[in-house]
Amino acid sequence: MKSILEICQEVADISATKRPEDLFDRNSQHEAIWLSVAKMELDNLLRFGDWQELTKEGVLRTAAKKTKYIMSNVVPDFYSLLNNTVYVKDGQEKVIGAITPEEWMREKYFNCPGADIKFKLQNGMINFLTPPADGLKIVFQYRSNNIVMDGGTFEEKSILR
């Protein structure tokens, strides 16, 4: 398996530009450009692929009267939620979720919310329409942003941020 640096070096050879030596050299604008291009391409691949290796399961424990949870505090490697995978594990009840902005406003201001748990993802947060019960275990599948492996430690890492 080739490293990102090796792939960038091959692209440099094909495009007749100077080869990068170290993508993470903070003192080199040339290396920073190559890293930026690699990040952009990896982000595009991540967004449009069905990458099973990047699919993970997350767990959110609700707290009394709390409606907002920062996703990076729940799962630090969160990239995106996989649709229709959110469940309340304690009762096998499916969470009605990922509603559109229009549905959110209609439910919030014009309807009496029922017992269903509804949420939206916005600005890196999961925001419930009404506070769910205290201590619910909500499980979901998500796409991880850890898309590379450190060649020395074989640790999953992200270069997207």
C-alpha atoms as a PDB file:
ATOM      1  CA  MET A   1       0.000   0.000   0.000  1.00  0.00           C
ATOM      2  CA  LYS A   2       1.358   3.417  -0.929  1.00  0.00           C
ATOM      3  CA  SER A   3       1.509   6.348   1.439  1.00  0.00           C
ATOM      4  CA  ILE A   4      -0.116   9.674   0.659  1.00  0.00           C
ATOM      5  CA  LEU A   5       3.365  11.150   0.222  1.00  0.00           C
ATOM      6  CA  GLU A   6       4.265   8.493  -2.373  1.00  0.00           C
ATOM      7  CA  ILE A   7       1.048   9.139  -4.280  1.00  0.00           C
ATOM      8  CA  CYS A   8       1.729  12.899  -4.270  1.00  0.00           C
ATOM      9  CA  GLN A   9       5.278  12.241  -5.500  1.00  0.00           C
ATOM     10  CA  GLU A  10       3.956  10.159  -8.406  1.00  0.00           C
ATOM     11  CA  VAL A  11       1.489  12.912  -9.300  1.00  0.00           C
ATOM     12  CA  ALA A  12       4.345  15.444  -9.166  1.00  0.00           C
ATOM     13  CA  ASP A  13       6.399  13.298 -11.566  1.00  0.00           C
ATOM     14  CA  ILE A  14       3.473  13.029 -14.000  1.00  0.00           C
ATOM     15  CA  SER A  15       2.728  16.757 -13.843  1.00  0.00           C
ATOM     16  CA  ALA A  16       6.407  17.777 -14.067  1.00  0.00           C
ATOM     17  CA  THR A  17       6.447  19.664 -10.762  1.00  0.00           C
ATOM     18  CA  LYS A  18       8.791  19.482  -7.788  1.00  0.00           C
ATOM     19  CA  ARG A  19       8.243  16.374  -5.679  1.00  0.00           C
ATOM     20  CA  PRO A  20       7.143  16.927  -2.071  1.00  0.00           C
ATOM     21  CA  GLU A  21       9.566  15.505   0.511  1.00  0.00           C
ATOM     22  CA  ASP A  22       7.477  15.841   3.688  1.00  0.00           C
ATOM     23  CA  LEU A  23       3.780  16.763   3.546  1.00  0.00           C
ATOM     24  CA  PHE A  24       3.812  17.966   7.149  1.00  0.00           C
ATOM     25  CA  ASP A  25       6.756  20.399   6.957  1.00  0.00           C
ATOM     26  CA  ARG A  26       5.279  23.576   8.454  1.00  0.00           C
ATOM     27  CA  ASN A  27       8.042  25.752   7.005  1.00  0.00           C
ATOM     28  CA  SER A  28       7.415  24.867   3.371  1.00  0.00           C
ATOM     29  CA  GLN A  29       4.649  26.449   1.338  1.00  0.00           C
ATOM     30  CA  HIS A  30       5.268  23.875  -1.412  1.00  0.00           C
ATOM     31  CA  GLU A  31       4.595  20.964   0.975  1.00  0.00           C
ATOM     32  CA  ALA A  32       1.540  22.772   2.408  1.00  0.00           C
ATOM     33  CA  ILE A  33       0.047  23.021  -1.095  1.00  0.00           C
ATOM     34  CA  TRP A  34       0.505  19.276  -1.662  1.00  0.00           C
ATOM     35  CA  LEU A  35      -1.054  18.486   1.732  1.00  0.00           C
ATOM     36  CA  SER A  36      -3.992  20.763   0.937  1.00  0.00           C
ATOM     37  CA  VAL A  37      -4.603  19.023  -2.400  1.00  0.00           C
ATOM     38  CA  ALA A  38      -4.374  15.592  -0.727  1.00  0.00           C
ATOM     39  CA  LYS A  39      -6.852  16.668   1.971  1.00  0.00           C
ATOM     40  CA  MET A  40      -9.289  17.967  -0.620  1.00  0.00           C
ATOM     41  CA  GLU A  41      -9.157  14.759  -2.658  1.00  0.00           C
ATOM     42  CA  LEU A  42      -9.486  12.517   0.408  1.00  0.00           C
ATOM     43  CA  ASP A  43     -12.488  14.555   1.529  1.00  0.00           C
ATOM     44  CA  ASN A  44     -14.114  14.027  -1.889  1.00  0.00           C
ATOM     45  CA  LEU A  45     -13.447  10.292  -1.741  1.00  0.00           C
ATOM     46  CA  LEU A  46     -14.814  10.101   1.787  1.00  0.00           C
ATOM     47  CA  ARG A  47     -17.988  11.937   0.846  1.00  0.00           C
ATOM     48  CA  PHE A  48     -18.933   9.832  -2.172  1.00  0.00           C
ATOM     49  CA  GLY A  49     -17.870   6.304  -1.305  1.00  0.00           C
ATOM     50  CA  ASP A  50     -19.417   3.451   0.609  1.00  0.00           C
ATOM     51  CA  TRP A  51     -16.341   2.914   2.763  1.00  0.00           C
ATOM     52  CA  GLN A  52     -17.236   0.074   5.095  1.00  0.00           C
ATOM     53  CA  GLU A  53     -13.905   0.370   6.916  1.00  0.00           C
ATOM     54  CA  LEU A  54     -14.916   3.883   7.938  1.00  0.00           C
ATOM     55  CA  THR A  55     -18.384   2.911   9.199  1.00  0.00           C
ATOM     56  CA  LYS A  56     -18.468   2.816  12.987  1.00  0.00           C
ATOM     57  CA  GLU A  57     -21.068   2.686  15.726  1.00  0.00           C
ATOM     58  CA  GLY A  58     -21.510   5.517  18.191  1.00  0.00           C
ATOM     59  CA  VAL A  59     -23.389   5.723  21.476  1.00  0.00           C
ATOM     60  CA  LEU A  60     -24.989   8.816  22.997  1.00  0.00           C
ATOM     61  CA  ARG A  61     -26.277   8.792  26.575  1.00  0.00           C
ATOM     62  CA  THR A  62     -28.859  11.498  27.102  1.00  0.00           C
ATOM     63  CA  ALA A  63     -28.885  13.809  30.108  1.00  0.00           C
ATOM     64  CA  ALA A  64     -31.925  15.310  31.818  1.00  0.00           C
ATOM     65  CA  LYS A  65     -33.309  18.424  30.099  1.00  0.00           C
ATOM     66  CA  LYS A  66     -30.418  18.549  27.624  1.00  0.00           C
ATOM     67  CA  THR A  67     -31.221  18.979  23.941  1.00  0.00           C
ATOM     68  CA  LYS A  68     -27.800  19.778  22.409  1.00  0.00           C
ATOM     69  CA  TYR A  69     -24.777  17.492  22.230  1.00  0.00           C
ATOM     70  CA  ILE A  70     -21.493  18.273  20.479  1.00  0.00           C
ATOM     71  CA  MET A  71     -20.831  15.338  18.140  1.00  0.00           C
ATOM     72  CA  SER A  72     -17.041  15.466  18.575  1.00  0.00           C
ATOM     73  CA  ASN A  73     -17.589  14.934  22.320  1.00  0.00           C
ATOM     74  CA  VAL A  74     -19.766  11.889  21.598  1.00  0.00           C
ATOM     75  CA  VAL A  75     -17.511  10.398  18.892  1.00  0.00           C
ATOM     76  CA  PRO A  76     -14.231  12.290  18.329  1.00  0.00           C
ATOM     77  CA  ASP A  77     -13.774  10.979  14.765  1.00  0.00           C
ATOM     78  CA  PHE A  78     -17.297  11.928  13.569  1.00  0.00           C
ATOM     79  CA  TYR A  79     -17.587  12.868   9.894  1.00  0.00           C
ATOM     80  CA  SER A  80     -21.227  12.187   9.015  1.00  0.00           C
ATOM     81  CA  LEU A  81     -24.259  10.281  10.235  1.00  0.00           C
ATOM     82  CA  LEU A  82     -25.503   7.329   8.204  1.00  0.00           C
ATOM     83  CA  ASN A  83     -29.202   7.832   7.537  1.00  0.00           C
ATOM     84  CA  ASN A  84     -31.806   5.677   9.261  1.00  0.00           C
ATOM     85  CA  THR A  85     -29.366   4.102  11.725  1.00  0.00           C
ATOM     86  CA  VAL A  86     -30.372   5.928  14.931  1.00  0.00           C
ATOM     87  CA  TYR A  87     -32.112   3.827  17.595  1.00  0.00           C
ATOM     88  CA  VAL A  88     -32.899   3.997  21.287  1.00  0.00           C
ATOM     89  CA  LYS A  89     -31.169   0.797  22.363  1.00  0.00           C
ATOM     90  CA  ASP A  90     -32.938   0.469  25.708  1.00  0.00           C
ATOM     91  CA  GLY A  91     -36.366  -0.022  24.158  1.00  0.00           C
ATOM     92  CA  GLN A  92     -35.702  -0.994  20.516  1.00  0.00           C
ATOM     93  CA  GLU A  93     -37.541   2.176  19.539  1.00  0.00           C
ATOM     94  CA  LYS A  94     -36.393   3.937  16.402  1.00  0.00           C
ATOM     95  CA  VAL A  95     -35.604   7.619  16.745  1.00  0.00           C
ATOM     96  CA  ILE A  96     -37.413   9.762  14.203  1.00  0.00           C
ATOM     97  CA  GLY A  97     -34.536  11.835  13.068  1.00  0.00           C
ATOM     98  CA  ALA A  98     -32.496  13.795  10.624  1.00  0.00           C
ATOM     99  CA  ILE A  99     -35.535  15.863   9.764  1.00  0.00           C
ATOM    100  CA  THR A 100     -35.303  18.645   7.224  1.00  0.00           C
ATOM    101  CA  PRO A 101     -35.040  22.300   8.284  1.00  0.00           C
ATOM    102  CA  GLU A 102     -38.632  22.817   7.124  1.00  0.00           C
ATOM    103  CA  GLU A 103     -39.904  19.910   9.231  1.00  0.00           C
ATOM    104  CA  TRP A 104     -37.875  21.172  12.194  1.00  0.00           C
ATOM    105  CA  MET A 105     -39.483  24.625  12.093  1.00  0.00           C
ATOM    106  CA  ARG A 106     -42.974  23.212  11.490  1.00  0.00           C
ATOM    107  CA  GLU A 107     -42.656  20.820  14.453  1.00  0.00           C
ATOM    108  CA  LYS A 108     -41.055  23.404  16.699  1.00  0.00           C
ATOM    109  CA  TYR A 109     -43.474  26.255  16.144  1.00  0.00           C
ATOM    110  CA  PHE A 110     -46.717  24.880  14.742  1.00  0.00           C
ATOM    111  CA  ASN A 111     -47.299  21.356  16.078  1.00  0.00           C
ATOM    112  CA  CYS A 112     -47.502  19.859  19.519  1.00  0.00           C
ATOM    113  CA  PRO A 113     -44.532  17.498  19.630  1.00  0.00           C
ATOM    114  CA  GLY A 114     -45.482  13.920  20.421  1.00  0.00           C
ATOM    115  CA  ALA A 115     -43.519  11.231  22.197  1.00  0.00           C
ATOM    116  CA  ASP A 116     -41.226  10.641  19.202  1.00  0.00           C
ATOM    117  CA  ILE A 117     -37.627  11.738  19.539  1.00  0.00           C
ATOM    118  CA  LYS A 118     -36.681  14.063  16.700  1.00  0.00           C
ATOM    119  CA  PHE A 119     -33.370  15.753  15.990  1.00  0.00           C
ATOM    120  CA  LYS A 120     -31.286  17.597  13.479  1.00  0.00           C
ATOM    121  CA  LEU A 121     -27.545  17.757  12.906  1.00  0.00           C
ATOM    122  CA  GLN A 122     -26.258  21.287  12.588  1.00  0.00           C
ATOM    123  CA  ASN A 123     -22.915  22.991  13.221  1.00  0.00           C
ATOM    124  CA  GLY A 124     -21.325  19.814  14.541  1.00  0.00           C
ATOM    125  CA  MET A 125     -24.099  19.250  17.081  1.00  0.00           C
ATOM    126  CA  ILE A 126     -27.002  16.880  17.465  1.00  0.00           C
ATOM    127  CA  ASN A 127     -29.974  19.012  18.505  1.00  0.00           C
ATOM    128  CA  PHE A 128     -33.121  17.291  19.783  1.00  0.00           C
ATOM    129  CA  LEU A 129     -36.450  19.011  19.215  1.00  0.00           C
ATOM    130  CA  THR A 130     -37.544  18.204  22.772  1.00  0.00           C
ATOM    131  CA  PRO A 131     -35.328  16.912  25.594  1.00  0.00           C
ATOM    132  CA  PRO A 132     -35.255  13.105  25.506  1.00  0.00           C
ATOM    133  CA  ALA A 133     -35.625  11.165  28.738  1.00  0.00           C
ATOM    134  CA  ASP A 134     -32.615  11.064  31.040  1.00  0.00           C
ATOM    135  CA  GLY A 135     -30.195   8.175  30.522  1.00  0.00           C
ATOM    136  CA  LEU A 136     -31.428   6.921  27.145  1.00  0.00           C
ATOM    137  CA  LYS A 137     -28.817   4.985  25.211  1.00  0.00           C
ATOM    138  CA  ILE A 138     -29.052   6.155  21.619  1.00  0.00           C
ATOM    139  CA  VAL A 139     -26.939   4.173  19.152  1.00  0.00           C
ATOM    140  CA  PHE A 140     -26.129   5.132  15.577  1.00  0.00           C
ATOM    141  CA  GLN A 141     -23.764   4.398  12.738  1.00  0.00           C
ATOM    142  CA  TYR A 142     -21.534   7.115  11.426  1.00  0.00           C
ATOM    143  CA  ARG A 143     -18.748   7.695   8.963  1.00  0.00           C
ATOM    144  CA  SER A 144     -15.364   8.215  10.616  1.00  0.00           C
ATOM    145  CA  ASN A 145     -13.022  10.974   9.477  1.00  0.00           C
ATOM    146  CA  ASN A 146      -9.993   8.773  10.294  1.00  0.00           C
ATOM    147  CA  ILE A 147      -9.108   7.934   6.721  1.00  0.00           C
ATOM    148  CA  VAL A 148      -5.373   7.265   6.920  1.00  0.00           C
ATOM    149  CA  MET A 149      -3.123   4.907   8.884  1.00  0.00           C
ATOM    150  CA  ASP A 150       0.135   6.083  10.411  1.00  0.00           C
ATOM    151  CA  GLY A 151       2.738   3.800   8.804  1.00  0.00           C
ATOM    152  CA  GLY A 152       4.789   3.581  11.985  1.00  0.00           C
ATOM    153  CA  THR A 153       2.122   2.992  14.622  1.00  0.00           C
ATOM    154  CA  PHE A 154      -0.765   1.752  12.436  1.00  0.00           C
ATOM    155  CA  GLU A 155      -2.973   4.229  14.266  1.00  0.00           C
ATOM    156  CA  GLU A 156      -6.033   5.635  12.465  1.00  0.00           C
ATOM    157  CA  LYS A 157      -5.687   9.354  11.825  1.00  0.00           C
ATOM    158  CA  SER A 158      -7.476  12.169  10.066  1.00  0.00           C
ATOM    159  CA  ILE A 159      -5.833  14.730   7.820  1.00  0.00           C
ATOM    160  CA  LEU A 160      -9.121  16.420   6.957  1.00  0.00           C
ATOM    161  CA  ARG A 161      -8.965  19.030   9.698  1.00  0.00           C
END
